[in-house]
C-alpha atoms as a PDB file:
ATOM      1  CA  MET A   1       0.000   0.000   0.000  1.00  0.00           C
ATOM      2  CA  ALA A   2       1.056   3.583  -0.600  1.00  0.00           C
ATOM      3  CA  GLU A   3       1.352   5.759   2.511  1.00  0.00           C
ATOM      4  CA  LEU A   4       0.794   9.457   3.108  1.00  0.00           C
ATOM      5  CA  HIS A   5       1.974  11.283   6.231  1.00  0.00           C
ATOM      6  CA  ILE A   6       0.550  14.741   6.870  1.00  0.00           C
ATOM      7  CA  PHE A   7       2.246  16.909   9.477  1.00  0.00           C
ATOM      8  CA  GLY A   8       1.433  20.535   9.884  1.00  0.00           C
ATOM      9  CA  ARG A   9      -0.449  23.338  11.553  1.00  0.00           C
ATOM     10  CA  ILE A  10      -3.566  25.376  11.178  1.00  0.00           C
ATOM     11  CA  GLU A  11      -1.509  28.475  11.644  1.00  0.00           C
ATOM     12  CA  SER A  12      -3.636  31.625  11.646  1.00  0.00           C
ATOM     13  CA  ALA A  13      -6.739  33.469  10.477  1.00  0.00           C
ATOM     14  CA  GLU A  14      -6.791  36.942   8.983  1.00  0.00           C
ATOM     15  CA  ASN A  15      -9.130  39.466   7.352  1.00  0.00           C
ATOM     16  CA  PHE A  16     -12.197  38.326   9.305  1.00  0.00           C
ATOM     17  CA  LYS A  17     -14.691  40.922  10.525  1.00  0.00           C
ATOM     18  CA  LYS A  18     -14.778  39.284  13.965  1.00  0.00           C
ATOM     19  CA  SER A  19     -11.877  39.500  16.418  1.00  0.00           C
ATOM     20  CA  ILE A  20     -12.608  36.375  18.538  1.00  0.00           C
ATOM     21  CA  LEU A  21     -12.485  33.133  16.498  1.00  0.00           C
ATOM     22  CA  PHE A  22     -11.973  29.383  16.724  1.00  0.00           C
ATOM     23  CA  CYS A  23     -12.004  26.675  14.064  1.00  0.00           C
ATOM     24  CA  LYS A  24     -13.503  23.186  13.879  1.00  0.00           C
ATOM     25  CA  TRP A  25     -11.611  21.135  11.302  1.00  0.00           C
ATOM     26  CA  SER A  26     -11.996  17.689   9.711  1.00  0.00           C
ATOM     27  CA  PHE A  27     -10.240  15.659   7.019  1.00  0.00           C
ATOM     28  CA  HIS A  28     -12.381  13.774   4.490  1.00  0.00           C
ATOM     29  CA  THR A  29     -11.268  11.015   2.099  1.00  0.00           C
ATOM     30  CA  GLY A  30     -12.726   8.584  -0.400  1.00  0.00           C
ATOM     31  CA  SER A  31     -13.293   4.902   0.259  1.00  0.00           C
ATOM     32  CA  GLY A  32      -9.833   3.909  -1.017  1.00  0.00           C
ATOM     33  CA  TRP A  33      -8.112   5.669   1.889  1.00  0.00           C
ATOM     34  CA  LYS A  34      -7.601   4.349   5.430  1.00  0.00           C
ATOM     35  CA  LEU A  35      -6.501   6.408   8.431  1.00  0.00           C
ATOM     36  CA  LEU A  36      -3.834   4.513  10.383  1.00  0.00           C
ATOM     37  CA  ASN A  37      -2.840   7.123  12.949  1.00  0.00           C
ATOM     38  CA  GLY A  38      -3.943  10.544  14.140  1.00  0.00           C
ATOM     39  CA  ASN A  39      -7.183  12.424  14.598  1.00  0.00           C
ATOM     40  CA  SER A  40      -9.115  13.290  11.453  1.00  0.00           C
ATOM     41  CA  GLU A  41     -11.065  16.043  13.221  1.00  0.00           C
ATOM     42  CA  GLY A  42     -10.596  18.540  16.012  1.00  0.00           C
ATOM     43  CA  GLN A  43     -10.915  22.110  17.159  1.00  0.00           C
ATOM     44  CA  THR A  44      -8.485  24.961  17.703  1.00  0.00           C
ATOM     45  CA  GLN A  45      -8.481  27.105  20.796  1.00  0.00           C
ATOM     46  CA  GLU A  46     -10.389  30.367  20.824  1.00  0.00           C
ATOM     47  CA  CYS A  47      -8.157  33.286  19.933  1.00  0.00           C
ATOM     48  CA  ARG A  48      -8.664  37.035  20.005  1.00  0.00           C
ATOM     49  CA  ASP A  49      -6.805  39.929  18.476  1.00  0.00           C
ATOM     50  CA  PHE A  50      -8.403  43.362  18.503  1.00  0.00           C
ATOM     51  CA  TYR A  51      -5.544  45.223  16.781  1.00  0.00           C
ATOM     52  CA  ARG A  52      -3.764  43.288  14.036  1.00  0.00           C
ATOM     53  CA  LYS A  53      -6.763  41.327  12.674  1.00  0.00           C
ATOM     54  CA  LYS A  54      -4.527  38.227  12.460  1.00  0.00           C
ATOM     55  CA  LEU A  55      -5.344  35.510  14.985  1.00  0.00           C
ATOM     56  CA  ALA A  56      -2.665  32.899  15.741  1.00  0.00           C
ATOM     57  CA  TRP A  57      -4.014  29.385  16.400  1.00  0.00           C
ATOM     58  CA  ASP A  58      -0.852  27.363  15.692  1.00  0.00           C
ATOM     59  CA  HIS A  59      -2.876  24.128  15.994  1.00  0.00           C
ATOM     60  CA  PRO A  60      -0.983  20.870  15.202  1.00  0.00           C
ATOM     61  CA  ILE A  61      -2.039  18.258  12.623  1.00  0.00           C
ATOM     62  CA  ASP A  62      -0.510  14.756  12.427  1.00  0.00           C
ATOM     63  CA  LEU A  63      -2.124  12.072  10.229  1.00  0.00           C
ATOM     64  CA  HIS A  64      -0.990   8.831   8.583  1.00  0.00           C
ATOM     65  CA  TYR A  65      -3.030   7.319   5.717  1.00  0.00           C
ATOM     66  CA  THR A  66      -2.664   4.271   3.474  1.00  0.00           C
ATOM     67  CA  THR A  67      -4.198   4.041   0.018  1.00  0.00           C
ATOM     68  CA  HIS A  68      -4.207   2.176  -3.260  1.00  0.00           C
ATOM     69  CA  THR A  69      -5.588   5.092  -5.321  1.00  0.00           C
ATOM     70  CA  LEU A  70      -5.365   8.866  -5.634  1.00  0.00           C
ATOM     71  CA  GLN A  71      -9.126   9.173  -6.045  1.00  0.00           C
ATOM     72  CA  GLY A  72     -10.746  10.658  -2.977  1.00  0.00           C
ATOM     73  CA  SER A  73      -7.439  12.063  -1.690  1.00  0.00           C
ATOM     74  CA  PRO A  74      -7.680  13.954   1.641  1.00  0.00           C
ATOM     75  CA  LYS A  75      -9.429  17.307   1.807  1.00  0.00           C
ATOM     76  CA  LEU A  76      -9.558  19.610   4.801  1.00  0.00           C
ATOM     77  CA  LEU A  77     -12.891  21.164   5.802  1.00  0.00           C
ATOM     78  CA  LEU A  78     -12.804  24.216   8.072  1.00  0.00           C
ATOM     79  CA  GLN A  79     -15.751  25.652   9.993  1.00  0.00           C
ATOM     80  CA  ILE A  80     -14.975  29.010  11.588  1.00  0.00           C
ATOM     81  CA  PHE A  81     -16.922  30.244  14.615  1.00  0.00           C
ATOM     82  CA  SER A  82     -16.828  33.534  16.512  1.00  0.00           C
ATOM     83  CA  ARG A  83     -17.907  34.791  19.915  1.00  0.00           C
ATOM     84  CA  ASP A  84     -19.951  37.965  20.120  1.00  0.00           C
ATOM     85  CA  ASN A  85     -20.106  40.623  22.861  1.00  0.00           C
ATOM     86  CA  TYR A  86     -22.759  38.609  24.717  1.00  0.00           C
ATOM     87  CA  GLY A  87     -20.683  35.421  24.834  1.00  0.00           C
ATOM     88  CA  ARG A  88     -22.738  33.624  22.164  1.00  0.00           C
ATOM     89  CA  ILE A  89     -20.934  31.317  19.746  1.00  0.00           C
ATOM     90  CA  LEU A  90     -21.883  32.172  16.163  1.00  0.00           C
ATOM     91  CA  PHE A  91     -21.098  30.431  12.895  1.00  0.00           C
ATOM     92  CA  THR A  92     -18.838  32.589  10.718  1.00  0.00           C
ATOM     93  CA  ALA A  93     -17.537  30.740   7.626  1.00  0.00           C
ATOM     94  CA  TYR A  94     -16.643  27.538   5.744  1.00  0.00           C
ATOM     95  CA  GLY A  95     -13.430  26.739   3.899  1.00  0.00           C
ATOM     96  CA  THR A  96     -12.070  23.690   2.069  1.00  0.00           C
ATOM     97  CA  CYS A  97      -8.677  22.829   0.642  1.00  0.00           C
ATOM     98  CA  SER A  98      -7.070  19.761  -0.891  1.00  0.00           C
ATOM     99  CA  VAL A  99      -4.042  18.214   0.766  1.00  0.00           C
ATOM    100  CA  PRO A 100      -1.058  18.318  -1.636  1.00  0.00           C
ATOM    101  CA  MET A 101       0.176  14.899  -2.822  1.00  0.00           C
ATOM    102  CA  ILE A 102       3.703  16.161  -3.541  1.00  0.00           C
ATOM    103  CA  PRO A 103       6.269  15.537  -0.773  1.00  0.00           C
ATOM    104  CA  GLY A 104       7.706  18.591   0.951  1.00  0.00           C
ATOM    105  CA  PHE A 105       6.586  21.771   2.667  1.00  0.00           C
ATOM    106  CA  HIS A 106       3.389  23.495   1.491  1.00  0.00           C
ATOM    107  CA  GLN A 107       1.950  26.765   2.728  1.00  0.00           C
ATOM    108  CA  ILE A 108      -1.733  27.072   1.817  1.00  0.00           C
ATOM    109  CA  LYS A 109      -4.093  30.003   2.147  1.00  0.00           C
ATOM    110  CA  CYS A 110      -7.638  28.670   2.479  1.00  0.00           C
ATOM    111  CA  HIS A 111     -10.239  31.255   1.463  1.00  0.00           C
ATOM    112  CA  THR A 112     -13.462  31.080   3.459  1.00  0.00           C
ATOM    113  CA  TRP A 113     -17.049  32.001   2.689  1.00  0.00           C
ATOM    114  CA  LYS A 114     -20.534  31.879   4.143  1.00  0.00           C
ATOM    115  CA  PRO A 115     -23.970  31.364   2.573  1.00  0.00           C
ATOM    116  CA  ILE A 116     -26.009  34.581   2.521  1.00  0.00           C
ATOM    117  CA  GLY A 117     -29.481  33.645   1.224  1.00  0.00           C
ATOM    118  CA  ASN A 118     -32.173  36.219   0.521  1.00  0.00           C
ATOM    119  CA  TRP A 119     -32.557  39.741   1.945  1.00  0.00           C
ATOM    120  CA  GLN A 120     -34.378  38.470   5.072  1.00  0.00           C
ATOM    121  CA  ASP A 121     -31.527  36.038   5.822  1.00  0.00           C
ATOM    122  CA  ARG A 122     -29.025  38.884   5.411  1.00  0.00           C
ATOM    123  CA  LEU A 123     -30.956  41.059   7.884  1.00  0.00           C
ATOM    124  CA  ARG A 124     -31.046  38.202  10.434  1.00  0.00           C
ATOM    125  CA  ASP A 125     -27.294  37.782   9.987  1.00  0.00           C
ATOM    126  CA  LYS A 126     -26.511  41.484  10.380  1.00  0.00           C
ATOM    127  CA  PHE A 127     -28.732  42.276  13.364  1.00  0.00           C
ATOM    128  CA  LEU A 128     -29.245  38.945  15.155  1.00  0.00           C
ATOM    129  CA  GLY A 129     -26.069  37.032  14.271  1.00  0.00           C
ATOM    130  CA  MET A 130     -28.139  34.244  12.702  1.00  0.00           C
ATOM    131  CA  THR A 131     -25.912  33.238   9.778  1.00  0.00           C
ATOM    132  CA  LEU A 132     -27.175  30.517   7.448  1.00  0.00           C
ATOM    133  CA  GLN A 133     -25.468  27.137   7.907  1.00  0.00           C
ATOM    134  CA  LEU A 134     -25.481  24.016   5.775  1.00  0.00           C
ATOM    135  CA  LYS A 135     -27.272  20.957   7.188  1.00  0.00           C
ATOM    136  CA  THR A 136     -24.422  18.667   6.124  1.00  0.00           C
ATOM    137  CA  PRO A 137     -21.126  20.607   5.889  1.00  0.00           C
ATOM    138  CA  SER A 138     -19.121  17.419   5.207  1.00  0.00           C
ATOM    139  CA  LEU A 139     -20.599  17.414   1.674  1.00  0.00           C
ATOM    140  CA  LEU A 140     -18.394  20.425   0.914  1.00  0.00           C
ATOM    141  CA  ALA A 141     -15.275  18.249   1.000  1.00  0.00           C
ATOM    142  CA  ASN A 142     -16.586  15.691  -1.503  1.00  0.00           C
ATOM    143  CA  SER A 143     -18.921  17.643  -3.756  1.00  0.00           C
ATOM    144  CA  THR A 144     -18.756  19.935  -6.750  1.00  0.00           C
ATOM    145  CA  ASP A 145     -22.398  21.011  -6.437  1.00  0.00           C
ATOM    146  CA  ARG A 146     -21.612  24.281  -4.663  1.00  0.00           C
ATOM    147  CA  PHE A 147     -22.012  26.474  -7.740  1.00  0.00           C
ATOM    148  CA  GLU A 148     -25.679  27.224  -6.976  1.00  0.00           C
ATOM    149  CA  LEU A 149     -24.993  28.630  -3.509  1.00  0.00           C
ATOM    150  CA  LEU A 150     -25.170  32.387  -3.004  1.00  0.00           C
ATOM    151  CA  THR A 151     -22.156  33.228  -0.840  1.00  0.00           C
ATOM    152  CA  GLU A 152     -20.099  36.051   0.615  1.00  0.00           C
ATOM    153  CA  THR A 153     -16.340  36.015   1.059  1.00  0.00           C
ATOM    154  CA  GLU A 154     -14.965  35.995   4.601  1.00  0.00           C
ATOM    155  CA  GLY A 155     -11.322  35.852   5.748  1.00  0.00           C
ATOM    156  CA  ASP A 156      -8.392  33.541   5.021  1.00  0.00           C
ATOM    157  CA  VAL A 157      -6.890  30.698   7.058  1.00  0.00           C
ATOM    158  CA  GLU A 158      -3.205  29.917   6.686  1.00  0.00           C
ATOM    159  CA  ILE A 159      -2.266  26.227   6.839  1.00  0.00           C
ATOM    160  CA  ASN A 160       1.187  24.653   6.694  1.00  0.00           C
ATOM    161  CA  PHE A 161       1.597  21.035   5.559  1.00  0.00           C
ATOM    162  CA  GLN A 162       4.723  18.881   5.574  1.00  0.00           C
ATOM    163  CA  ILE A 163       3.940  15.916   3.302  1.00  0.00           C
ATOM    164  CA  ILE A 164       5.819  12.605   3.311  1.00  0.00           C
ATOM    165  CA  THR A 165       4.881   9.860   0.817  1.00  0.00           C
ATOM    166  CA  ARG A 166       5.962   6.245   0.667  1.00  0.00           C
ATOM    167  CA  ASN A 167       5.492   3.664  -2.117  1.00  0.00           C
ATOM    168  CA  PHE A 168       3.438   6.029  -4.304  1.00  0.00           C
ATOM    169  CA  ASN A 169       5.606   5.138  -7.327  1.00  0.00           C
ATOM    170  CA  LYS A 170       5.187   1.399  -6.731  1.00  0.00           C
ATOM    171  CA  PHE A 171       1.407   1.657  -6.966  1.00  0.00           C
ATOM    172  CA  GLY A 172       1.331   4.231  -9.771  1.00  0.00           C
ATOM    173  CA  CYS A 173       0.213   6.979  -7.393  1.00  0.00           C
ATOM    174  CA  HIS A 174       2.557   9.854  -8.173  1.00  0.00           C
END
């Protein structure tokens, strides 16, 4: 079997309108992939920065997969949440990115977005903090049917990956 080791960090968030954020993250793969070691989902700590608008999470990632195909290669799904002045936790944005299959260091900027809906949904979001959320966010990692969603750009999340591959050439996965 071919092996993929993913080491890295969910480093930081920037250009968000909110100054108190945390991130729930999860890796999603196709049926030809098996997780041998590590956690495929987790959550960063809550971070705040009122001045620079760049929040440092520095959250570690360490995964080890085996596979016999490149189809369904790992994708990272991010769900960003914020805390308002009343202590409520509010959904802020989604982001997805593919894990590189090339060995070495990769610095990725994951652009995030949120669904905005109609004018009533936008008013609820602006005045009540009731942002639209998807019923099944995990579909974002495995679907191309997002083109019909009406969305608004949010901030960026910086992710660093160190990728190590083994036996990819032997199985034609390179």
